[in-house]
Amino acid sequence: MKFTVAQLNYHIGNFSGNKELICNAIKKAKAVGSDLIIFSELCIPGYPPLDLLDRIDFIEKCNQTVMEIARECTGIAAIVGSPTINTRPEGKKLHNSALLLSEGKIIFSANKALLPTYDIFDEYRYFEPEKEFSVFSFKGLRLAITICEDLWDEQPFDNEFEKTRLYTVSPMEELVKQNPDLIINIAASPFSYSKIEAKENIFISKAIKYKIPVISVNQTGANTELIFDGASVIINEKGKIYKQLPFFEEAVETYSFESIKSESITGNNIKSDSISLIYKALVTGLRDYFNKTGLKSSVIGLSGGIDSAICLCLAVKALGNENVRVLLMPSRYSSDHSVRDAVTLARILNVQYDIVNIEKPFRAFEEDLEPVFRGLNTDVTEENIQARIRAILLMAVSNKFGCIVLNTSNKSEAAVGYGTLYGDMAGGLSVIGDVYKTDVYRIAEYINMEKEIIPENIIRKLPSAELRPDQFDTDSLPDYKILDSILYQYIELQKPAGRIIKEGADGDTVLKVIRMIDFNEYKRYQAPPVLRISSKAFGVGRRMPLVARYLL
């Protein structure tokens, strides 16, 4: 039997666009004599459709699109992912389903049993879990069709409090009793730089455990903050990778079942280091956010610092230099080299730049507030005024020219509240809000790997907000290597303060950092959407109460 893996980039609610993608792939597969083409989870509506699933017209459109695609399946079968109506009188109104289409009909369906409700996932809000499992005979093979988590009932988690087995039922343990020849897993699995190997190992371990080949088909592209890496994989029954499709690219490729069963391995699985994948993920997230929302152009506040430099490079790569402009907004505290560095980078990348000095509006604020502030010392208030002036100027350019403001705050800053609400935290999309400062430097090195794009001075100089004389980030924060280590342990690994201290970190520093994280939750609550590249990003996947008092 010949089968085709279709790793595609879907758009939520764009039924005509998704249908065209799917039908074009079906035609390509038919042309090479494929018997079965496999698409990813919820490919019909796009993933994740969220509360659109509560709308009956949305579900009807899903059903209509499925049947239109089924009519294209003549001489070939297709597995597509779509919500379907739960016909039982009890339970949630929908299933998350894998539908096998052939000759204009749905000839088999498998419903998702294991519905994740952790991190960004909330599938039990919409779907009823399946409790009965069966394989399907097709072209002489018995297919065990599973959906994402159904094959991931055993998985490693970053923090030790999570159970390795989250669920009380294992769909594959039930399916394997029916002697399947092939495991097919359709998924919509978002990218996380710390989960790449672990995700791959899930499929390898299942293939070894059951001595059955595994085909896992994931989508690529991005929808809002979620970025999908693709990297669909085919594993033989001995747990060897037969083929891995590219990261962050569409691909439609055809293979034979017999070749997977043979001893020969193609050896073309793709390995990449985490920083190159983070870079590609952020470019993908930026590009698709603009493409799928209909936005065209962006504006960035370019300070001469490394964060805005990285964001500018990513935006130019994703959108083209003709769709990116920058605003340089020096103040009385801005160093000459910061302005020169920013201008140099703008010229290297050939983007439009404008210089608007904020001294006049800042002085006007000082004069107008002088009667109110008389007798009080200058403090963070005046620093925040400068940041908010810059936000007003960026939003003015955004309004006048129709370009979205890209936020340039990194995860380290966002974690400890080292940013001004309605100031440098403003923007329509946070580009590196899930990237720690130490990784920002690594991305800069990656960008400069073949030639110097970001001026070396931007990378070398000590980070500073330049909102007061001789200001450096380390005046308020620990060294970023120390800070990021604490942040990662507390946010991603969810270790308590006592545990972090016990394992060697300085106690006073840990407690100071964690207080800053917890206190500044209200700022992150009002931040723009953050492109997600980790296992625990700020936003929908990390829900913290604003009024809690809890530390240890």
Protein backbone atom coordinates (compact mmCIF):
# COMPACT_ATOMS: atom_id res chain seq x y z
CA MET A 1 0.00 0.00 0.00
CA LYS A 2 1.18 3.50 -0.80
CA PHE A 3 0.33 6.32 1.59
CA THR A 4 0.92 10.07 1.58
CA VAL A 5 1.74 12.31 4.52
CA ALA A 6 0.30 15.82 4.13
CA GLN A 7 1.94 18.32 6.48
CA LEU A 8 0.09 21.58 5.79
CA ASN A 9 -0.52 25.07 7.20
CA TYR A 10 -4.20 25.57 8.03
CA HIS A 11 -6.09 28.77 8.83
CA ILE A 12 -8.77 28.73 11.54
CA GLY A 13 -12.24 29.17 10.05
CA ASN A 14 -10.93 29.57 6.50
CA PHE A 15 -12.90 26.63 5.14
CA SER A 16 -12.36 27.44 1.47
CA GLY A 17 -8.63 27.91 1.98
CA ASN A 18 -8.24 24.74 4.02
CA LYS A 19 -10.31 22.79 1.50
CA GLU A 20 -8.13 24.01 -1.35
CA LEU A 21 -4.96 22.96 0.52
CA ILE A 22 -6.40 19.52 1.21
CA CYS A 23 -7.78 18.93 -2.29
CA ASN A 24 -4.52 20.01 -3.93
CA ALA A 25 -2.66 17.51 -1.76
CA ILE A 26 -5.17 14.79 -2.67
CA LYS A 27 -4.60 15.47 -6.38
CA LYS A 28 -0.84 15.31 -5.89
CA ALA A 29 -1.14 12.00 -4.02
CA LYS A 30 -3.43 10.51 -6.67
CA ALA A 31 -0.97 11.47 -9.38
CA VAL A 32 1.68 9.22 -7.83
CA GLY A 33 -0.69 6.33 -7.20
CA SER A 34 -1.18 6.74 -3.47
CA ASP A 35 -3.91 4.68 -1.80
CA LEU A 36 -4.28 6.81 1.36
CA ILE A 37 -3.44 10.41 2.24
CA ILE A 38 -3.25 11.47 5.88
CA PHE A 39 -3.92 15.00 7.15
CA SER A 40 -3.61 16.41 10.66
CA GLU A 41 -5.95 16.88 13.61
CA LEU A 42 -8.88 19.31 13.10
CA CYS A 43 -7.48 20.27 9.70
CA ILE A 44 -10.97 21.09 8.40
CA PRO A 45 -11.62 24.06 10.73
CA GLY A 46 -7.99 24.75 11.62
CA TYR A 47 -6.52 24.35 15.09
CA PRO A 48 -7.40 25.53 17.70
CA PRO A 49 -10.93 26.72 16.86
CA LEU A 50 -11.71 27.44 20.53
CA ASP A 51 -15.20 28.83 21.18
CA LEU A 52 -16.04 28.86 17.49
CA LEU A 53 -16.93 25.25 18.27
CA ASP A 54 -19.94 26.55 20.22
CA ARG A 55 -21.50 27.92 17.03
CA ILE A 56 -23.82 25.56 15.16
CA ASP A 57 -23.15 27.31 11.85
CA PHE A 58 -19.42 26.65 12.33
CA ILE A 59 -20.02 22.93 12.88
CA GLU A 60 -22.35 22.78 9.89
CA LYS A 61 -19.64 24.38 7.76
CA CYS A 62 -17.17 21.74 8.99
CA ASN A 63 -19.57 18.96 7.98
CA GLN A 64 -20.23 20.53 4.59
CA THR A 65 -16.51 20.90 3.88
CA VAL A 66 -15.85 17.28 4.86
CA MET A 67 -18.41 16.04 2.36
CA GLU A 68 -17.06 18.30 -0.39
CA ILE A 69 -13.59 16.85 0.19
CA ALA A 70 -15.03 13.31 0.29
CA ARG A 71 -16.26 13.81 -3.27
CA GLU A 72 -12.63 14.42 -4.30
CA CYS A 73 -11.64 11.04 -2.84
CA THR A 74 -12.22 8.83 -5.86
CA GLY A 75 -9.60 6.14 -6.28
CA ILE A 76 -7.94 7.32 -3.07
CA ALA A 77 -8.90 7.52 0.60
CA ALA A 78 -8.13 10.38 2.98
CA ILE A 79 -7.96 10.77 6.75
CA VAL A 80 -9.00 14.25 7.86
CA GLY A 81 -9.59 15.78 11.28
CA SER A 82 -12.87 17.54 12.06
CA PRO A 83 -15.34 18.08 14.89
CA THR A 84 -18.40 15.84 14.66
CA ILE A 85 -21.68 15.85 16.56
CA ASN A 86 -22.02 13.45 19.48
CA THR A 87 -25.15 11.47 18.69
CA ARG A 88 -25.43 9.99 22.17
CA PRO A 89 -27.96 11.69 24.47
CA GLU A 90 -25.35 12.22 27.19
CA GLY A 91 -22.03 14.04 27.25
CA LYS A 92 -20.57 17.02 25.43
CA LYS A 93 -22.13 17.89 22.10
CA LEU A 94 -19.03 17.23 19.96
CA HIS A 95 -16.27 14.72 19.28
CA ASN A 96 -12.78 15.51 18.02
CA SER A 97 -12.73 13.03 15.14
CA ALA A 98 -10.51 11.44 12.51
CA LEU A 99 -12.64 10.70 9.46
CA LEU A 100 -11.69 8.23 6.74
CA LEU A 101 -13.13 9.42 3.42
CA SER A 102 -13.52 7.34 0.27
CA GLU A 103 -15.66 7.51 -2.88
CA GLY A 104 -17.68 10.47 -1.63
CA LYS A 105 -18.47 9.01 1.79
CA ILE A 106 -17.22 8.77 5.37
CA ILE A 107 -16.39 5.07 5.68
CA PHE A 108 -14.89 5.12 9.18
CA SER A 109 -14.44 7.49 12.11
CA ALA A 110 -12.31 7.43 15.23
CA ASN A 111 -12.97 9.86 18.06
CA LYS A 112 -10.31 11.26 20.36
CA ALA A 113 -10.37 9.69 23.80
CA LEU A 114 -7.70 11.58 25.72
CA LEU A 115 -8.60 15.26 25.85
CA PRO A 116 -5.79 17.45 27.24
CA THR A 117 -6.73 20.12 29.77
CA TYR A 118 -3.27 21.41 30.71
CA ASP A 119 -1.18 24.39 29.61
CA ILE A 120 -2.78 25.88 26.44
CA PHE A 121 -5.16 22.95 25.98
CA ASP A 122 -8.78 22.90 27.11
CA GLU A 123 -10.34 20.28 24.87
CA TYR A 124 -12.72 18.83 27.46
CA ARG A 125 -14.48 22.21 27.34
CA TYR A 126 -15.80 21.20 23.91
CA PHE A 127 -15.43 17.48 23.26
CA GLU A 128 -16.78 14.22 24.66
CA PRO A 129 -14.02 11.60 25.08
CA GLU A 130 -14.38 8.30 23.23
CA LYS A 131 -14.65 5.11 25.26
CA GLU A 132 -14.81 2.47 22.51
CA PHE A 133 -11.98 1.64 20.12
CA SER A 134 -11.71 -0.32 16.90
CA VAL A 135 -9.24 -0.77 14.07
CA PHE A 136 -10.25 -0.46 10.42
CA SER A 137 -9.27 -2.79 7.61
CA PHE A 138 -8.05 -0.98 4.52
CA LYS A 139 -6.23 -2.44 1.51
CA GLY A 140 -5.38 -5.56 3.49
CA LEU A 141 -3.99 -3.63 6.47
CA ARG A 142 -5.54 -3.14 9.88
CA LEU A 143 -5.23 0.56 10.78
CA ALA A 144 -5.18 1.85 14.36
CA ILE A 145 -6.16 5.50 13.87
CA THR A 146 -5.43 7.74 16.86
CA ILE A 147 -5.57 11.47 17.49
CA CYS A 148 -2.61 13.27 19.08
CA GLU A 149 -2.83 12.64 22.85
CA ASP A 150 -4.37 9.20 22.30
CA LEU A 151 -0.88 7.94 21.56
CA TRP A 152 0.71 10.13 24.24
CA ASP A 153 -0.86 8.60 27.34
CA GLU A 154 2.66 8.23 28.74
CA GLN A 155 4.77 11.34 28.41
CA PRO A 156 7.49 13.18 30.33
CA PHE A 157 6.65 16.50 31.95
CA ASP A 158 8.98 19.31 32.95
CA ASN A 159 7.86 19.42 36.57
CA GLU A 160 7.92 16.47 38.91
CA PHE A 161 4.41 17.07 40.27
CA GLU A 162 2.84 15.98 36.98
CA LYS A 163 2.08 12.31 36.51
CA THR A 164 3.81 10.47 33.70
CA ARG A 165 0.47 8.82 32.94
CA LEU A 166 -2.22 11.51 32.93
CA TYR A 167 -5.10 9.30 31.92
CA THR A 168 -6.82 6.22 33.31
CA VAL A 169 -7.35 4.66 29.87
CA SER A 170 -4.91 3.88 27.05
CA PRO A 171 -6.48 3.80 23.58
CA MET A 172 -3.52 1.89 22.13
CA GLU A 173 -3.72 -0.78 24.80
CA GLU A 174 -7.28 -1.39 23.60
CA LEU A 175 -6.47 -1.14 19.90
CA VAL A 176 -3.47 -3.45 20.06
CA LYS A 177 -5.76 -6.27 21.18
CA GLN A 178 -7.22 -6.13 17.65
CA ASN A 179 -3.82 -6.81 16.02
CA PRO A 180 -3.28 -3.63 13.97
CA ASP A 181 -0.60 -3.55 11.28
CA LEU A 182 -0.06 0.22 11.37
CA ILE A 183 -0.54 3.02 13.91
CA ILE A 184 -1.63 6.35 12.43
CA ASN A 185 -1.58 9.40 14.67
CA ILE A 186 -2.94 12.74 13.46
CA ALA A 187 -1.89 15.71 15.57
CA ALA A 188 -1.92 19.46 16.04
CA SER A 189 1.08 19.67 18.33
CA PRO A 190 2.51 23.15 19.04
CA PHE A 191 6.25 23.75 19.04
CA SER A 192 8.23 23.80 22.27
CA TYR A 193 12.01 23.95 22.05
CA SER A 194 12.36 21.80 25.18
CA LYS A 195 9.99 19.06 23.96
CA ILE A 196 11.42 18.16 20.54
CA GLU A 197 13.29 15.03 21.56
CA ALA A 198 10.67 13.97 24.11
CA LYS A 199 7.91 14.14 21.51
CA GLU A 200 9.94 12.08 19.06
CA ASN A 201 10.68 9.52 21.75
CA ILE A 202 6.96 9.01 22.40
CA PHE A 203 6.51 7.63 18.89
CA ILE A 204 9.69 5.61 19.04
CA SER A 205 8.71 4.00 22.35
CA LYS A 206 5.23 3.11 21.06
CA ALA A 207 6.64 1.52 17.90
CA ILE A 208 9.06 -0.55 19.99
CA LYS A 209 6.48 -1.47 22.61
CA TYR A 210 3.87 -2.70 20.15
CA LYS A 211 6.27 -3.74 17.36
CA ILE A 212 4.10 -1.80 14.91
CA PRO A 213 5.14 1.06 12.56
CA VAL A 214 3.92 4.54 13.54
CA ILE A 215 2.98 7.39 11.21
CA SER A 216 2.49 10.71 12.98
CA VAL A 217 1.20 13.64 10.92
CA ASN A 218 1.47 17.11 12.45
CA GLN A 219 0.49 20.47 11.00
CA THR A 220 2.83 23.38 10.47
CA GLY A 221 2.40 27.16 10.42
CA ALA A 222 0.99 29.33 13.21
CA ASN A 223 -2.38 30.47 14.51
CA THR A 224 -2.24 33.50 16.84
CA GLU A 225 0.36 32.66 19.51
CA LEU A 226 0.63 28.94 18.75
CA ILE A 227 3.35 27.83 16.34
CA PHE A 228 3.33 24.31 14.87
CA ASP A 229 6.62 22.78 13.86
CA GLY A 230 5.42 20.07 11.49
CA ALA A 231 8.25 17.51 11.77
CA SER A 232 5.83 14.69 10.95
CA VAL A 233 7.57 11.38 11.47
CA ILE A 234 7.44 7.77 10.28
CA ILE A 235 8.89 5.12 12.62
CA ASN A 236 9.38 1.45 11.73
CA GLU A 237 8.39 -1.38 14.07
CA LYS A 238 11.92 -1.48 15.53
CA GLY A 239 11.73 2.15 16.62
CA LYS A 240 14.00 3.50 13.89
CA ILE A 241 13.10 6.77 12.21
CA TYR A 242 12.30 5.99 8.59
CA LYS A 243 11.50 9.58 7.65
CA GLN A 244 11.04 12.94 9.31
CA LEU A 245 9.49 15.82 7.39
CA PRO A 246 10.93 19.34 7.66
CA PHE A 247 10.37 21.70 10.56
CA PHE A 248 8.14 24.72 9.83
CA GLU A 249 7.53 23.83 6.18
CA GLU A 250 4.65 22.35 4.26
CA ALA A 251 5.34 18.95 2.71
CA VAL A 252 3.34 16.31 0.83
CA GLU A 253 5.32 13.08 0.49
CA THR A 254 4.40 9.52 -0.52
CA TYR A 255 5.85 6.22 0.73
CA SER A 256 4.98 2.54 0.65
CA PHE A 257 4.10 0.46 3.68
CA GLU A 258 6.42 -2.24 2.44
CA SER A 259 9.41 0.10 2.45
CA ILE A 260 8.79 0.98 6.12
CA LYS A 261 8.70 -2.71 6.98
CA SER A 262 12.00 -3.33 5.21
CA GLU A 263 15.33 -3.03 6.97
CA SER A 264 16.49 -0.09 4.85
CA ILE A 265 16.27 3.28 6.57
CA THR A 266 16.47 6.45 4.54
CA GLY A 267 18.50 8.21 7.22
CA ASN A 268 17.21 11.62 6.28
CA ASN A 269 15.62 12.53 9.56
CA ILE A 270 16.26 16.18 10.33
CA LYS A 271 18.11 17.33 13.46
CA SER A 272 18.48 20.99 14.33
CA ASP A 273 19.77 22.86 17.35
CA SER A 274 17.24 24.61 19.54
CA ILE A 275 18.25 28.18 18.65
CA SER A 276 17.86 27.68 14.90
CA LEU A 277 14.44 26.14 15.55
CA ILE A 278 13.43 29.00 17.86
CA TYR A 279 14.48 31.44 15.14
CA LYS A 280 12.45 29.61 12.50
CA ALA A 281 9.49 29.32 14.88
CA LEU A 282 9.42 33.05 15.57
CA VAL A 283 9.67 33.88 11.87
CA THR A 284 6.81 31.44 11.19
CA GLY A 285 4.71 32.93 13.98
CA LEU A 286 5.25 36.49 12.78
CA ARG A 287 4.63 35.69 9.12
CA ASP A 288 1.43 33.77 9.74
CA TYR A 289 0.06 36.27 12.25
CA PHE A 290 0.24 38.93 9.55
CA ASN A 291 -0.84 36.71 6.64
CA LYS A 292 -3.82 35.24 8.47
CA THR A 293 -5.08 38.48 9.97
CA GLY A 294 -4.69 40.44 6.74
CA LEU A 295 -2.13 42.78 8.27
CA LYS A 296 0.64 44.00 5.98
CA SER A 297 3.15 46.21 7.74
CA SER A 298 4.72 46.78 11.15
CA VAL A 299 6.54 49.40 13.16
CA ILE A 300 9.19 48.82 15.83
CA GLY A 301 10.72 51.15 18.36
CA LEU A 302 14.44 50.68 17.66
CA SER A 303 16.50 51.62 20.70
CA GLY A 304 19.99 50.45 19.82
CA GLY A 305 19.56 47.56 22.25
CA ILE A 306 19.65 43.86 21.48
CA ASP A 307 15.95 43.09 22.00
CA SER A 308 14.63 45.54 19.42
CA ALA A 309 17.48 44.57 17.08
CA ILE A 310 16.44 40.90 17.22
CA CYS A 311 12.79 41.79 16.68
CA LEU A 312 13.67 43.90 13.66
CA CYS A 313 15.71 41.09 12.10
CA LEU A 314 12.87 38.62 12.66
CA ALA A 315 10.29 41.03 11.23
CA VAL A 316 12.35 41.70 8.11
CA LYS A 317 12.82 37.96 7.56
CA ALA A 318 9.11 37.26 8.08
CA LEU A 319 7.52 40.24 6.37
CA GLY A 320 10.12 41.72 4.01
CA ASN A 321 11.97 44.98 4.62
CA GLU A 322 9.40 46.92 2.62
CA ASN A 323 6.78 46.05 5.25
CA VAL A 324 8.80 47.09 8.29
CA ARG A 325 9.62 50.57 9.52
CA VAL A 326 11.31 51.72 12.70
CA LEU A 327 11.13 54.71 14.96
CA LEU A 328 14.20 55.90 16.86
CA MET A 329 13.13 57.93 19.89
CA PRO A 330 16.19 59.16 21.77
CA SER A 331 15.94 61.06 25.04
CA ARG A 332 18.37 63.17 27.07
CA TYR A 333 19.67 59.89 28.51
CA SER A 334 20.21 58.05 25.22
CA SER A 335 23.85 57.46 24.41
CA ASP A 336 25.20 58.56 21.06
CA HIS A 337 26.34 55.01 20.28
CA SER A 338 22.79 53.67 20.81
CA VAL A 339 21.43 56.01 18.16
CA ARG A 340 24.34 55.23 15.80
CA ASP A 341 23.92 51.49 16.31
CA ALA A 342 20.19 51.70 15.61
CA VAL A 343 20.73 53.73 12.44
CA THR A 344 23.44 51.30 11.29
CA LEU A 345 21.14 48.31 11.73
CA ALA A 346 18.25 50.03 9.97
CA ARG A 347 20.52 50.79 7.02
CA ILE A 348 21.95 47.27 6.89
CA LEU A 349 18.41 45.85 6.74
CA ASN A 350 17.27 48.59 4.39
CA VAL A 351 14.20 49.57 6.40
CA GLN A 352 12.67 53.02 6.65
CA TYR A 353 13.65 54.80 9.84
CA ASP A 354 12.61 58.06 11.42
CA ILE A 355 14.18 59.83 14.39
CA VAL A 356 11.81 61.62 16.74
CA ASN A 357 13.47 63.01 19.88
CA ILE A 358 11.24 62.78 22.94
CA GLU A 359 12.89 65.67 24.82
CA LYS A 360 10.16 68.25 24.04
CA PRO A 361 7.18 66.16 25.16
CA PHE A 362 9.11 64.89 28.16
CA ARG A 363 9.97 68.44 29.22
CA ALA A 364 6.32 69.45 28.75
CA PHE A 365 5.20 66.64 31.07
CA GLU A 366 7.79 67.66 33.64
CA GLU A 367 6.64 71.28 33.53
CA ASP A 368 2.94 70.44 33.70
CA LEU A 369 3.43 68.01 36.59
CA GLU A 370 5.85 70.23 38.51
CA PRO A 371 3.09 71.79 40.69
CA VAL A 372 1.80 68.32 41.51
CA PHE A 373 5.24 66.77 42.14
CA ARG A 374 6.80 69.83 43.88
CA GLY A 375 9.23 68.81 46.59
CA LEU A 376 9.36 65.16 45.48
CA ASN A 377 12.47 63.46 44.16
CA THR A 378 12.77 62.19 40.59
CA ASP A 379 12.16 58.44 40.50
CA VAL A 380 10.69 55.66 38.33
CA THR A 381 7.72 57.93 37.59
CA GLU A 382 9.78 60.05 35.23
CA GLU A 383 11.31 56.93 33.69
CA ASN A 384 7.85 55.55 32.94
CA ILE A 385 6.74 58.85 31.40
CA GLN A 386 9.51 58.51 28.82
CA ALA A 387 8.47 54.94 27.99
CA ARG A 388 4.84 56.01 27.62
CA ILE A 389 5.76 58.91 25.35
CA ARG A 390 7.49 56.44 23.08
CA ALA A 391 4.41 54.22 23.08
CA ILE A 392 2.26 57.20 22.06
CA LEU A 393 4.61 57.99 19.17
CA LEU A 394 4.63 54.37 18.00
CA MET A 395 0.84 54.18 18.17
CA ALA A 396 0.59 57.44 16.24
CA VAL A 397 2.66 55.96 13.41
CA SER A 398 0.58 52.80 13.64
CA ASN A 399 -2.69 54.73 13.32
CA LYS A 400 -1.47 57.03 10.57
CA PHE A 401 0.11 54.37 8.34
CA GLY A 402 -1.86 51.26 9.34
CA CYS A 403 1.10 49.27 10.66
CA ILE A 404 0.95 47.12 13.78
CA VAL A 405 3.33 47.87 16.65
CA LEU A 406 5.55 44.90 17.43
CA ASN A 407 6.41 44.58 21.11
CA THR A 408 10.09 43.92 21.83
CA SER A 409 10.06 42.85 25.52
CA ASN A 410 11.79 39.55 26.32
CA LYS A 411 10.59 36.86 28.73
CA SER A 412 13.07 37.76 31.45
CA GLU A 413 11.78 41.33 31.57
CA ALA A 414 8.15 40.26 31.37
CA ALA A 415 8.65 37.77 34.19
CA VAL A 416 9.93 40.29 36.72
CA GLY A 417 7.92 43.28 35.51
CA TYR A 418 10.94 45.14 34.16
CA GLY A 419 8.83 47.11 31.73
CA THR A 420 6.34 49.96 31.70
CA LEU A 421 2.66 49.20 31.40
CA TYR A 422 1.24 51.27 28.51
CA GLY A 423 4.84 52.08 27.61
CA ASP A 424 7.40 49.61 26.28
CA MET A 425 4.90 46.80 27.01
CA ALA A 426 2.55 48.16 24.36
CA GLY A 427 2.07 46.46 21.01
CA GLY A 428 -0.19 44.28 18.93
CA LEU A 429 2.05 41.18 19.14
CA SER A 430 4.92 40.25 21.46
CA VAL A 431 7.69 38.81 19.30
CA ILE A 432 10.19 37.56 21.89
CA GLY A 433 8.03 37.56 25.02
CA ASP A 434 8.72 33.82 25.40
CA VAL A 435 12.48 34.12 24.88
CA TYR A 436 14.77 34.54 27.88
CA LYS A 437 17.44 37.23 27.66
CA THR A 438 20.28 34.70 27.54
CA ASP A 439 18.62 33.09 24.52
CA VAL A 440 18.17 36.52 22.92
CA TYR A 441 21.96 36.74 22.76
CA ARG A 442 22.15 33.25 21.26
CA ILE A 443 19.65 34.24 18.56
CA ALA A 444 21.78 37.31 17.80
CA GLU A 445 24.80 35.05 17.33
CA TYR A 446 22.74 32.81 15.04
CA ILE A 447 21.65 35.80 12.93
CA ASN A 448 25.27 36.94 12.66
CA MET A 449 26.58 33.42 11.96
CA GLU A 450 27.47 34.02 8.30
CA LYS A 451 27.99 37.79 8.34
CA GLU A 452 27.55 40.69 10.72
CA ILE A 453 24.00 41.96 10.46
CA ILE A 454 23.46 43.13 14.03
CA PRO A 455 26.34 45.52 14.85
CA GLU A 456 28.71 43.86 17.30
CA ASN A 457 28.43 46.81 19.66
CA ILE A 458 24.72 46.09 20.17
CA ILE A 459 25.59 42.55 21.27
CA ARG A 460 28.57 43.48 23.46
CA LYS A 461 27.29 46.46 25.41
CA LEU A 462 25.68 46.12 28.81
CA PRO A 463 21.87 46.13 28.56
CA SER A 464 20.21 49.36 29.67
CA ALA A 465 16.79 50.99 29.43
CA GLU A 466 18.57 54.41 29.25
CA LEU A 467 15.84 56.14 31.24
CA ARG A 468 18.21 57.78 33.76
CA PRO A 469 21.94 58.62 33.84
CA ASP A 470 24.31 55.61 33.81
CA GLN A 471 21.45 53.11 34.12
CA PHE A 472 22.02 49.39 33.59
CA ASP A 473 19.63 46.44 33.93
CA THR A 474 21.84 44.94 36.64
CA ASP A 475 21.04 47.94 38.87
CA SER A 476 17.60 46.37 39.40
CA LEU A 477 18.10 42.74 38.38
CA PRO A 478 20.56 39.92 38.97
CA ASP A 479 22.93 39.01 36.16
CA TYR A 480 20.78 37.52 33.39
CA LYS A 481 22.43 34.09 33.59
CA ILE A 482 21.47 33.85 37.26
CA LEU A 483 18.04 35.42 36.70
CA ASP A 484 17.12 33.17 33.76
CA SER A 485 18.13 30.04 35.66
CA ILE A 486 15.78 30.98 38.51
CA LEU A 487 13.01 31.98 36.10
CA TYR A 488 13.21 28.71 34.19
CA GLN A 489 13.07 26.63 37.34
CA TYR A 490 10.15 28.60 38.79
CA ILE A 491 8.09 29.10 35.60
CA GLU A 492 8.78 26.09 33.38
CA LEU A 493 9.71 23.51 36.02
CA GLN A 494 7.39 25.01 38.65
CA LYS A 495 9.86 24.36 41.45
CA PRO A 496 9.09 26.06 44.78
CA ALA A 497 11.51 28.65 46.09
CA GLY A 498 12.82 26.35 48.81
CA ARG A 499 13.73 23.70 46.27
CA ILE A 500 15.58 26.19 44.04
CA ILE A 501 17.53 27.45 47.05
CA LYS A 502 18.28 23.93 48.27
CA GLU A 503 19.75 23.10 44.86
CA GLY A 504 22.31 25.88 45.15
CA ALA A 505 20.82 29.25 44.22
CA ASP A 506 21.28 32.23 46.53
CA GLY A 507 18.30 32.43 48.88
CA ASP A 508 17.87 36.22 48.95
CA THR A 509 18.12 36.40 45.16
CA VAL A 510 15.58 33.62 44.64
CA LEU A 511 13.06 35.20 47.02
CA LYS A 512 13.52 38.63 45.44
CA VAL A 513 13.02 37.26 41.92
CA ILE A 514 9.94 35.22 42.83
CA ARG A 515 8.35 38.18 44.59
CA MET A 516 8.88 40.21 41.42
CA ILE A 517 7.32 37.45 39.27
CA ASP A 518 4.25 37.12 41.46
CA PHE A 519 3.74 40.84 42.06
CA ASN A 520 3.86 41.71 38.37
CA GLU A 521 1.19 39.27 37.23
CA TYR A 522 -1.14 42.25 36.66
CA LYS A 523 1.20 43.64 34.03
CA ARG A 524 1.34 40.40 32.06
CA TYR A 525 -2.45 40.18 32.26
CA GLN A 526 -2.58 43.29 30.06
CA ALA A 527 0.26 42.37 27.70
CA PRO A 528 -0.16 41.58 23.98
CA PRO A 529 -0.30 37.99 22.69
CA VAL A 530 3.08 36.27 23.00
CA LEU A 531 4.50 33.98 20.32
CA ARG A 532 4.91 30.69 22.17
CA ILE A 533 8.13 28.69 21.80
CA SER A 534 8.45 27.09 25.25
CA SER A 535 6.51 24.61 27.35
CA LYS A 536 5.19 27.41 29.60
CA ALA A 537 4.68 30.79 27.98
CA PHE A 538 2.94 33.77 29.53
CA GLY A 539 -0.63 34.06 28.31
CA VAL A 540 -3.36 31.45 27.84
CA GLY A 541 -1.16 28.57 29.01
CA ARG A 542 -0.29 30.10 32.39
CA ARG A 543 -3.32 31.15 34.41
CA MET A 544 -2.50 32.88 37.68
CA PRO A 545 -4.86 34.81 39.97
CA LEU A 546 -4.14 38.52 40.29
CA VAL A 547 -5.13 38.80 43.96
CA ALA A 548 -3.34 35.75 45.38
CA ARG A 549 -0.79 35.94 48.17
CA TYR A 550 1.39 32.87 47.81
CA LEU A 551 5.13 32.49 47.48
CA LEU A 552 6.67 29.33 48.91
